[in-house]
Amino acid sequence: MNNGMFSVDGKIVLVTGASSGIGYALSKGLAEHGAYVIAAARRVDKLKSLCDEVESNGGKIFTIKMDVSDRASVVTGFDHVNKHVGVIDTVVNNAGIAAPSSFVKIDEKTRDAVMGTNFNGVWNVAQEAAQRLIKSERPGSIINIASVLALGVKPGQSVYCASKGAVAQLTRGMALDLIKYGIRSNAIAPGWFKTEMSDDFFESDEGLAYISQMPAKRLGTLDELIGPVIMLASDAASFVNGVVIPVDGALNVVTI
C-alpha cells in the first residue's frame, strides 16, 4: 500500500520479538503497508501463524531465529537476511521481558536477564544494523520500543523502568552519533496495551481500578501502535531524530 510520504513500500524492516504481542501486531501492520518484514524471535516455530497471516494477505515476510541478548545470534541473523533478502534498512527493536518485583527482592540473575534483553539486546541489534548500513552507504531508521515506564515509574517495576529508561537515553545518544550517516534513531513509549503479558493483571479488580484512573479510561489496542511506527520508518519523519514519542493516551502527563 502506497501512502506517499508515509510509505514503507519496499523497505526491509526487522522486527524483533515478533512472535507475540506488540511485535506480532507491528509485523503484520508493516507488511500490510508494503514493507518486507523480517520477523525475528528466539523460537522460529512460534512465527508460523504470523507468516500464514501475512502471506494470506499478500504481504512479504522472512523469518529468522534471533536471541537479541546474544551478539553471535544477532550477527548470524543479519548474515542470513543479507544473503537471502538484502540489507535491513529499518529496525524495530521490540524484544523485551518484564520481571515485576520489589527492588529489594530482585536477584542479580533476574536483573541481568532483564537488562540483557531490554537494553543489551537493543544495543546489539541497533549497532549491528548501523554498522551494516554505514558499510553499505545506505540511510536507515532505527525505532526502539521503550515504554511509558521510561518516562515515569511504578512500584515493583524497578529493573524494567531502569532498562527502558536506558533505552530512551540510548536512543538519543544514537541519534547524535548516527545522523552524519543518514541513520535516524527514535523510540516510541507505549503505555498500557492489551497483550498476553498484561492480560491477567488488567482483568483483575486492581487492574480494572487502575484503568478507570487513566486519562483515556481504557487500554490501548495494538493497532494504535502501527501508525506511529510507520511514520518513524517513512520519509514523513526525515527530520525527526532522537525523540521518544509516548503512545499512551496521555498517561505520561499524569502520575503513572
C-alpha atoms as a PDB file:
ATOM      1  CA  MET A   1       0.000   0.000   0.000  1.00  0.00           C
ATOM      2  CA  ASN A   2       1.495   3.345  -1.041  1.00  0.00           C
ATOM      3  CA  ASN A   3       0.659   6.280   1.192  1.00  0.00           C
ATOM      4  CA  GLY A   4       3.016   8.829  -0.372  1.00  0.00           C
ATOM      5  CA  MET A   5       5.469  10.267   2.084  1.00  0.00           C
ATOM      6  CA  PHE A   6       4.188   7.887   4.774  1.00  0.00           C
ATOM      7  CA  SER A   7       5.008   4.860   2.613  1.00  0.00           C
ATOM      8  CA  VAL A   8       7.114   1.914   3.772  1.00  0.00           C
ATOM      9  CA  ASP A   9       6.808   0.186   0.384  1.00  0.00           C
ATOM     10  CA  GLY A  10       9.926  -1.812  -0.385  1.00  0.00           C
ATOM     11  CA  LYS A  11      11.621  -1.187   2.939  1.00  0.00           C
ATOM     12  CA  ILE A  12      13.272  -4.183   4.569  1.00  0.00           C
ATOM     13  CA  VAL A  13      12.139  -3.952   8.185  1.00  0.00           C
ATOM     14  CA  LEU A  14      13.458  -6.118  11.007  1.00  0.00           C
ATOM     15  CA  VAL A  15      11.048  -6.599  13.921  1.00  0.00           C
ATOM     16  CA  THR A  16      12.483  -8.346  16.964  1.00  0.00           C
ATOM     17  CA  GLY A  17      10.258 -10.181  19.414  1.00  0.00           C
ATOM     18  CA  ALA A  18       7.816 -10.725  16.563  1.00  0.00           C
ATOM     19  CA  SER A  19       6.148 -13.887  17.815  1.00  0.00           C
ATOM     20  CA  SER A  20       3.526 -12.238  20.031  1.00  0.00           C
ATOM     21  CA  GLY A  21       2.067  -9.015  21.374  1.00  0.00           C
ATOM     22  CA  ILE A  22       3.429  -5.732  20.057  1.00  0.00           C
ATOM     23  CA  GLY A  23       5.960  -7.387  17.751  1.00  0.00           C
ATOM     24  CA  TYR A  24       3.299  -9.553  16.118  1.00  0.00           C
ATOM     25  CA  ALA A  25       0.965  -6.599  15.560  1.00  0.00           C
ATOM     26  CA  LEU A  26       3.705  -4.348  14.178  1.00  0.00           C
ATOM     27  CA  SER A  27       4.983  -7.056  11.837  1.00  0.00           C
ATOM     28  CA  LYS A  28       1.501  -7.621  10.470  1.00  0.00           C
ATOM     29  CA  GLY A  29       0.800  -3.885  10.128  1.00  0.00           C
ATOM     30  CA  LEU A  30       4.095  -3.077   8.418  1.00  0.00           C
ATOM     31  CA  ALA A  31       3.616  -5.926   5.950  1.00  0.00           C
ATOM     32  CA  GLU A  32       0.093  -4.746   5.159  1.00  0.00           C
ATOM     33  CA  HIS A  33       1.567  -1.357   4.270  1.00  0.00           C
ATOM     34  CA  GLY A  34       4.144  -2.744   1.839  1.00  0.00           C
ATOM     35  CA  ALA A  35       7.234  -3.446   3.920  1.00  0.00           C
ATOM     36  CA  TYR A  36       9.231  -6.642   3.520  1.00  0.00           C
ATOM     37  CA  VAL A  37       9.144  -7.752   7.147  1.00  0.00           C
ATOM     38  CA  ILE A  38      11.975  -9.716   8.718  1.00  0.00           C
ATOM     39  CA  ALA A  39      10.343 -11.336  11.745  1.00  0.00           C
ATOM     40  CA  ALA A  40      12.790 -12.389  14.452  1.00  0.00           C
ATOM     41  CA  ALA A  41      12.235 -14.485  17.548  1.00  0.00           C
ATOM     42  CA  ARG A  42      14.156 -16.932  19.715  1.00  0.00           C
ATOM     43  CA  ARG A  43      11.801 -19.701  18.571  1.00  0.00           C
ATOM     44  CA  VAL A  44      11.116 -19.574  14.834  1.00  0.00           C
ATOM     45  CA  ASP A  45       8.280 -22.103  15.118  1.00  0.00           C
ATOM     46  CA  LYS A  46       6.286 -19.513  17.065  1.00  0.00           C
ATOM     47  CA  LEU A  47       6.305 -17.279  13.960  1.00  0.00           C
ATOM     48  CA  LYS A  48       4.286 -19.664  11.792  1.00  0.00           C
ATOM     49  CA  SER A  49       0.879 -18.109  12.487  1.00  0.00           C
ATOM     50  CA  LEU A  50       2.300 -14.649  11.762  1.00  0.00           C
ATOM     51  CA  CYS A  51       3.749 -15.841   8.451  1.00  0.00           C
ATOM     52  CA  ASP A  52       0.492 -17.503   7.465  1.00  0.00           C
ATOM     53  CA  GLU A  53      -1.478 -14.356   8.242  1.00  0.00           C
ATOM     54  CA  VAL A  54       0.900 -12.005   6.415  1.00  0.00           C
ATOM     55  CA  GLU A  55       1.220 -14.206   3.340  1.00  0.00           C
ATOM     56  CA  SER A  56      -2.532 -14.826   3.116  1.00  0.00           C
ATOM     57  CA  ASN A  57      -2.928 -11.053   2.822  1.00  0.00           C
ATOM     58  CA  GLY A  58      -0.316 -10.827   0.061  1.00  0.00           C
ATOM     59  CA  GLY A  59       2.478  -9.466   2.266  1.00  0.00           C
ATOM     60  CA  LYS A  60       6.162 -10.324   2.275  1.00  0.00           C
ATOM     61  CA  ILE A  61       7.777 -11.884   5.339  1.00  0.00           C
ATOM     62  CA  PHE A  62      11.003 -13.721   6.130  1.00  0.00           C
ATOM     63  CA  THR A  63      11.693 -15.326   9.484  1.00  0.00           C
ATOM     64  CA  ILE A  64      14.956 -15.667  11.384  1.00  0.00           C
ATOM     65  CA  LYS A  65      15.990 -17.126  14.695  1.00  0.00           C
ATOM     66  CA  MET A  66      17.496 -14.448  16.918  1.00  0.00           C
ATOM     67  CA  ASP A  67      18.285 -14.073  20.596  1.00  0.00           C
ATOM     68  CA  VAL A  68      18.914 -10.344  20.879  1.00  0.00           C
ATOM     69  CA  SER A  69      20.883 -10.751  24.099  1.00  0.00           C
ATOM     70  CA  ASP A  70      23.436 -12.936  22.259  1.00  0.00           C
ATOM     71  CA  ARG A  71      25.563 -10.902  19.834  1.00  0.00           C
ATOM     72  CA  ALA A  72      26.612 -14.017  17.896  1.00  0.00           C
ATOM     73  CA  SER A  73      22.937 -14.854  17.320  1.00  0.00           C
ATOM     74  CA  VAL A  74      22.304 -11.309  16.115  1.00  0.00           C
ATOM     75  CA  VAL A  75      25.225 -11.435  13.664  1.00  0.00           C
ATOM     76  CA  THR A  76      24.083 -14.812  12.318  1.00  0.00           C
ATOM     77  CA  GLY A  77      20.561 -13.475  11.820  1.00  0.00           C
ATOM     78  CA  PHE A  78      21.742 -10.409   9.923  1.00  0.00           C
ATOM     79  CA  ASP A  79      24.043 -12.544   7.763  1.00  0.00           C
ATOM     80  CA  HIS A  80      21.103 -14.781   6.863  1.00  0.00           C
ATOM     81  CA  VAL A  81      18.957 -11.802   5.865  1.00  0.00           C
ATOM     82  CA  ASN A  82      21.773 -10.234   3.823  1.00  0.00           C
ATOM     83  CA  LYS A  83      22.215 -13.483   1.906  1.00  0.00           C
ATOM     84  CA  HIS A  84      18.551 -14.169   1.174  1.00  0.00           C
ATOM     85  CA  VAL A  85      16.798 -10.762   1.198  1.00  0.00           C
ATOM     86  CA  GLY A  86      19.180  -7.786   1.345  1.00  0.00           C
ATOM     87  CA  VAL A  87      20.364  -5.069   3.701  1.00  0.00           C
ATOM     88  CA  ILE A  88      17.982  -4.271   6.538  1.00  0.00           C
ATOM     89  CA  ASP A  89      17.231  -0.538   6.341  1.00  0.00           C
ATOM     90  CA  THR A  90      14.732  -0.236   9.194  1.00  0.00           C
ATOM     91  CA  VAL A  91      14.833  -1.807  12.642  1.00  0.00           C
ATOM     92  CA  VAL A  92      12.004  -2.091  15.149  1.00  0.00           C
ATOM     93  CA  ASN A  93      13.739  -3.071  18.383  1.00  0.00           C
ATOM     94  CA  ASN A  94      10.817  -4.642  20.198  1.00  0.00           C
ATOM     95  CA  ALA A  95      12.075  -7.747  22.023  1.00  0.00           C
ATOM     96  CA  GLY A  96      11.691  -7.333  25.758  1.00  0.00           C
ATOM     97  CA  ILE A  97      10.876  -9.060  29.020  1.00  0.00           C
ATOM     98  CA  ALA A  98       9.498  -7.978  32.388  1.00  0.00           C
ATOM     99  CA  ALA A  99      10.068  -9.221  35.919  1.00  0.00           C
ATOM    100  CA  PRO A 100       7.730  -7.370  38.288  1.00  0.00           C
ATOM    101  CA  SER A 101       9.150  -7.407  41.805  1.00  0.00           C
ATOM    102  CA  SER A 102      10.187  -5.082  44.590  1.00  0.00           C
ATOM    103  CA  PHE A 103      13.678  -3.633  44.247  1.00  0.00           C
ATOM    104  CA  VAL A 104      14.811  -5.332  47.457  1.00  0.00           C
ATOM    105  CA  LYS A 105      13.728  -8.764  46.188  1.00  0.00           C
ATOM    106  CA  ILE A 106      15.215  -8.791  42.683  1.00  0.00           C
ATOM    107  CA  ASP A 107      18.276 -11.030  42.444  1.00  0.00           C
ATOM    108  CA  GLU A 108      21.261 -10.460  40.178  1.00  0.00           C
ATOM    109  CA  LYS A 109      20.229 -13.173  37.723  1.00  0.00           C
ATOM    110  CA  THR A 110      16.813 -11.578  37.163  1.00  0.00           C
ATOM    111  CA  ARG A 111      18.281  -8.071  36.948  1.00  0.00           C
ATOM    112  CA  ASP A 112      20.845  -9.169  34.383  1.00  0.00           C
ATOM    113  CA  ALA A 113      18.274 -11.085  32.331  1.00  0.00           C
ATOM    114  CA  VAL A 114      16.003  -8.041  32.038  1.00  0.00           C
ATOM    115  CA  MET A 115      18.863  -5.674  31.232  1.00  0.00           C
ATOM    116  CA  GLY A 116      20.373  -8.268  28.887  1.00  0.00           C
ATOM    117  CA  THR A 117      17.261  -8.407  26.729  1.00  0.00           C
ATOM    118  CA  ASN A 118      15.741  -4.952  27.133  1.00  0.00           C
ATOM    119  CA  PHE A 119      18.923  -2.864  26.942  1.00  0.00           C
ATOM    120  CA  ASN A 120      21.818  -5.002  25.686  1.00  0.00           C
ATOM    121  CA  GLY A 121      19.500  -6.555  23.111  1.00  0.00           C
ATOM    122  CA  VAL A 122      18.521  -3.147  21.742  1.00  0.00           C
ATOM    123  CA  TRP A 123      22.194  -2.167  21.672  1.00  0.00           C
ATOM    124  CA  ASN A 124      23.258  -5.365  19.872  1.00  0.00           C
ATOM    125  CA  VAL A 125      20.636  -5.165  17.135  1.00  0.00           C
ATOM    126  CA  ALA A 126      20.902  -1.409  16.598  1.00  0.00           C
ATOM    127  CA  GLN A 127      24.696  -1.458  16.441  1.00  0.00           C
ATOM    128  CA  GLU A 128      24.774  -4.385  14.018  1.00  0.00           C
ATOM    129  CA  ALA A 129      22.201  -2.698  11.783  1.00  0.00           C
ATOM    130  CA  ALA A 130      24.015   0.649  11.886  1.00  0.00           C
ATOM    131  CA  GLN A 131      27.390  -0.868  11.083  1.00  0.00           C
ATOM    132  CA  ARG A 132      25.990  -2.660   8.059  1.00  0.00           C
ATOM    133  CA  LEU A 133      24.106   0.400   6.824  1.00  0.00           C
ATOM    134  CA  ILE A 134      27.247   2.515   7.118  1.00  0.00           C
ATOM    135  CA  LYS A 135      29.296  -0.088   5.233  1.00  0.00           C
ATOM    136  CA  SER A 136      26.626  -0.177   2.507  1.00  0.00           C
ATOM    137  CA  GLU A 137      26.421   3.651   2.456  1.00  0.00           C
ATOM    138  CA  ARG A 138      22.664   3.479   2.946  1.00  0.00           C
ATOM    139  CA  PRO A 139      20.379   5.620   5.122  1.00  0.00           C
ATOM    140  CA  GLY A 140      18.150   3.966   7.677  1.00  0.00           C
ATOM    141  CA  SER A 141      15.772   4.262  10.582  1.00  0.00           C
ATOM    142  CA  ILE A 142      16.099   2.586  13.963  1.00  0.00           C
ATOM    143  CA  ILE A 143      12.961   2.551  16.103  1.00  0.00           C
ATOM    144  CA  ASN A 144      13.386   1.376  19.659  1.00  0.00           C
ATOM    145  CA  ILE A 145      10.387   0.283  21.696  1.00  0.00           C
ATOM    146  CA  ALA A 146      10.787   1.958  25.077  1.00  0.00           C
ATOM    147  CA  SER A 147       7.857   2.297  27.490  1.00  0.00           C
ATOM    148  CA  VAL A 148       5.825   4.828  29.394  1.00  0.00           C
ATOM    149  CA  LEU A 149       7.871   3.434  32.311  1.00  0.00           C
ATOM    150  CA  ALA A 150      10.926   5.018  30.702  1.00  0.00           C
ATOM    151  CA  LEU A 151       9.267   8.366  31.458  1.00  0.00           C
ATOM    152  CA  GLY A 152       7.832   7.584  34.890  1.00  0.00           C
ATOM    153  CA  VAL A 153       7.835   4.739  37.368  1.00  0.00           C
ATOM    154  CA  LYS A 154       5.529   2.345  39.187  1.00  0.00           C
ATOM    155  CA  PRO A 155       6.181   0.365  42.358  1.00  0.00           C
ATOM    156  CA  GLY A 156       7.511  -3.117  41.762  1.00  0.00           C
ATOM    157  CA  GLN A 157       8.968  -2.292  38.341  1.00  0.00           C
ATOM    158  CA  SER A 158      12.451  -1.028  39.248  1.00  0.00           C
ATOM    159  CA  VAL A 159      14.515  -3.138  36.867  1.00  0.00           C
ATOM    160  CA  TYR A 160      12.051  -2.775  33.975  1.00  0.00           C
ATOM    161  CA  CYS A 161      11.927   1.005  34.438  1.00  0.00           C
ATOM    162  CA  ALA A 162      15.731   1.132  34.551  1.00  0.00           C
ATOM    163  CA  SER A 163      16.066  -0.923  31.381  1.00  0.00           C
ATOM    164  CA  LYS A 164      13.552   1.147  29.422  1.00  0.00           C
ATOM    165  CA  GLY A 165      14.971   4.424  30.747  1.00  0.00           C
ATOM    166  CA  ALA A 166      18.340   3.276  29.436  1.00  0.00           C
ATOM    167  CA  VAL A 167      16.741   2.552  26.050  1.00  0.00           C
ATOM    168  CA  ALA A 168      15.351   6.091  25.907  1.00  0.00           C
ATOM    169  CA  GLN A 169      18.772   7.618  26.616  1.00  0.00           C
ATOM    170  CA  LEU A 170      20.495   5.242  24.199  1.00  0.00           C
ATOM    171  CA  THR A 171      18.037   6.325  21.506  1.00  0.00           C
ATOM    172  CA  ARG A 172      19.076   9.957  21.980  1.00  0.00           C
ATOM    173  CA  GLY A 173      22.769   9.136  22.025  1.00  0.00           C
ATOM    174  CA  MET A 174      22.487   7.048  18.876  1.00  0.00           C
ATOM    175  CA  ALA A 175      20.744   9.899  17.087  1.00  0.00           C
ATOM    176  CA  LEU A 176      23.752  12.167  17.580  1.00  0.00           C
ATOM    177  CA  ASP A 177      26.312   9.533  16.609  1.00  0.00           C
ATOM    178  CA  LEU A 178      24.456   8.251  13.539  1.00  0.00           C
ATOM    179  CA  ILE A 179      23.000  11.407  12.000  1.00  0.00           C
ATOM    180  CA  LYS A 180      26.095  12.001   9.870  1.00  0.00           C
ATOM    181  CA  TYR A 181      25.462   8.651   8.193  1.00  0.00           C
ATOM    182  CA  GLY A 182      21.827   9.401   7.400  1.00  0.00           C
ATOM    183  CA  ILE A 183      20.581   6.969  10.032  1.00  0.00           C
ATOM    184  CA  ARG A 184      17.804   8.195  12.316  1.00  0.00           C
ATOM    185  CA  SER A 185      17.187   6.879  15.825  1.00  0.00           C
ATOM    186  CA  ASN A 186      13.853   7.324  17.568  1.00  0.00           C
ATOM    187  CA  ALA A 187      11.693   5.480  20.057  1.00  0.00           C
ATOM    188  CA  ILE A 188       8.075   5.064  20.925  1.00  0.00           C
ATOM    189  CA  ALA A 189       6.998   4.719  24.539  1.00  0.00           C
ATOM    190  CA  PRO A 190       3.851   2.588  24.665  1.00  0.00           C
ATOM    191  CA  GLY A 191       1.534   2.951  27.603  1.00  0.00           C
ATOM    192  CA  TRP A 192      -0.637   0.054  28.683  1.00  0.00           C
ATOM    193  CA  PHE A 193      -1.907  -2.198  25.927  1.00  0.00           C
ATOM    194  CA  LYS A 194      -3.859  -5.438  25.993  1.00  0.00           C
ATOM    195  CA  THR A 195      -1.244  -8.154  25.498  1.00  0.00           C
ATOM    196  CA  GLU A 196      -0.558 -11.653  26.783  1.00  0.00           C
ATOM    197  CA  MET A 197       1.916 -10.154  29.251  1.00  0.00           C
ATOM    198  CA  SER A 198      -0.637  -7.842  30.878  1.00  0.00           C
ATOM    199  CA  ASP A 199      -3.955  -9.673  30.424  1.00  0.00           C
ATOM    200  CA  ASP A 200      -4.156 -11.243  33.864  1.00  0.00           C
ATOM    201  CA  PHE A 201      -3.468  -8.010  35.737  1.00  0.00           C
ATOM    202  CA  PHE A 202      -5.893  -5.862  33.762  1.00  0.00           C
ATOM    203  CA  GLU A 203      -8.681  -8.393  34.187  1.00  0.00           C
ATOM    204  CA  SER A 204      -8.254  -8.295  37.983  1.00  0.00           C
ATOM    205  CA  ASP A 205     -10.090  -5.876  40.263  1.00  0.00           C
ATOM    206  CA  GLU A 206      -6.856  -3.964  40.856  1.00  0.00           C
ATOM    207  CA  GLY A 207      -6.180  -3.726  37.138  1.00  0.00           C
ATOM    208  CA  LEU A 208      -9.693  -2.557  36.317  1.00  0.00           C
ATOM    209  CA  ALA A 209      -9.435   0.105  39.014  1.00  0.00           C
ATOM    210  CA  TYR A 210      -6.156   1.312  37.518  1.00  0.00           C
ATOM    211  CA  ILE A 211      -7.718   1.548  34.047  1.00  0.00           C
ATOM    212  CA  SER A 212     -10.518   3.677  35.479  1.00  0.00           C
ATOM    213  CA  GLN A 213      -7.918   6.196  36.674  1.00  0.00           C
ATOM    214  CA  MET A 214      -6.200   6.530  33.295  1.00  0.00           C
ATOM    215  CA  PRO A 215      -6.919   9.702  31.291  1.00  0.00           C
ATOM    216  CA  ALA A 216      -8.243   7.621  28.375  1.00  0.00           C
ATOM    217  CA  LYS A 217     -10.201   5.263  30.683  1.00  0.00           C
ATOM    218  CA  ARG A 218      -9.086   2.321  28.557  1.00  0.00           C
ATOM    219  CA  LEU A 219      -6.122   0.274  27.402  1.00  0.00           C
ATOM    220  CA  GLY A 220      -4.615   0.897  24.008  1.00  0.00           C
ATOM    221  CA  THR A 221      -5.208  -1.502  21.126  1.00  0.00           C
ATOM    222  CA  LEU A 222      -2.109  -2.869  19.418  1.00  0.00           C
ATOM    223  CA  ASP A 223      -3.209  -1.459  16.050  1.00  0.00           C
ATOM    224  CA  GLU A 224      -2.793   2.016  17.555  1.00  0.00           C
ATOM    225  CA  LEU A 225       0.982   1.497  17.600  1.00  0.00           C
ATOM    226  CA  ILE A 226       1.252   0.777  13.890  1.00  0.00           C
ATOM    227  CA  GLY A 227       0.766   4.358  12.664  1.00  0.00           C
ATOM    228  CA  PRO A 228       3.499   5.926  14.835  1.00  0.00           C
ATOM    229  CA  VAL A 229       5.976   3.234  13.801  1.00  0.00           C
ATOM    230  CA  ILE A 230       5.154   3.630  10.105  1.00  0.00           C
ATOM    231  CA  MET A 231       5.596   7.383  10.448  1.00  0.00           C
ATOM    232  CA  LEU A 232       9.044   6.992  12.022  1.00  0.00           C
ATOM    233  CA  ALA A 233      10.088   4.448   9.390  1.00  0.00           C
ATOM    234  CA  SER A 234       8.932   6.588   6.480  1.00  0.00           C
ATOM    235  CA  ASP A 235      10.185   9.712   4.717  1.00  0.00           C
ATOM    236  CA  ALA A 236       7.487  11.651   6.563  1.00  0.00           C
ATOM    237  CA  ALA A 237       9.863  11.580   9.567  1.00  0.00           C
ATOM    238  CA  SER A 238      13.003  12.581   7.645  1.00  0.00           C
ATOM    239  CA  PHE A 239      13.739  15.379  10.177  1.00  0.00           C
ATOM    240  CA  VAL A 240      12.507  13.504  13.256  1.00  0.00           C
ATOM    241  CA  ASN A 241      15.532  12.249  15.137  1.00  0.00           C
ATOM    242  CA  GLY A 242      16.385  11.497  18.759  1.00  0.00           C
ATOM    243  CA  VAL A 243      12.841  11.648  20.097  1.00  0.00           C
ATOM    244  CA  VAL A 244      10.854   9.350  22.366  1.00  0.00           C
ATOM    245  CA  ILE A 245       7.179   9.525  21.407  1.00  0.00           C
ATOM    246  CA  PRO A 246       4.644   8.432  24.043  1.00  0.00           C
ATOM    247  CA  VAL A 247       1.752   6.409  22.645  1.00  0.00           C
ATOM    248  CA  ASP A 248      -0.226   6.119  25.833  1.00  0.00           C
ATOM    249  CA  GLY A 249      -3.491   8.069  25.850  1.00  0.00           C
ATOM    250  CA  ALA A 250      -1.837  10.928  27.813  1.00  0.00           C
ATOM    251  CA  LEU A 251      -0.778   8.644  30.660  1.00  0.00           C
ATOM    252  CA  ASN A 252       2.723  10.142  30.687  1.00  0.00           C
ATOM    253  CA  VAL A 253       1.428  13.575  31.659  1.00  0.00           C
ATOM    254  CA  VAL A 254      -0.120  12.354  34.900  1.00  0.00           C
ATOM    255  CA  THR A 255       1.248  10.313  37.776  1.00  0.00           C
ATOM    256  CA  ILE A 256       1.808   6.875  36.292  1.00  0.00           C
END
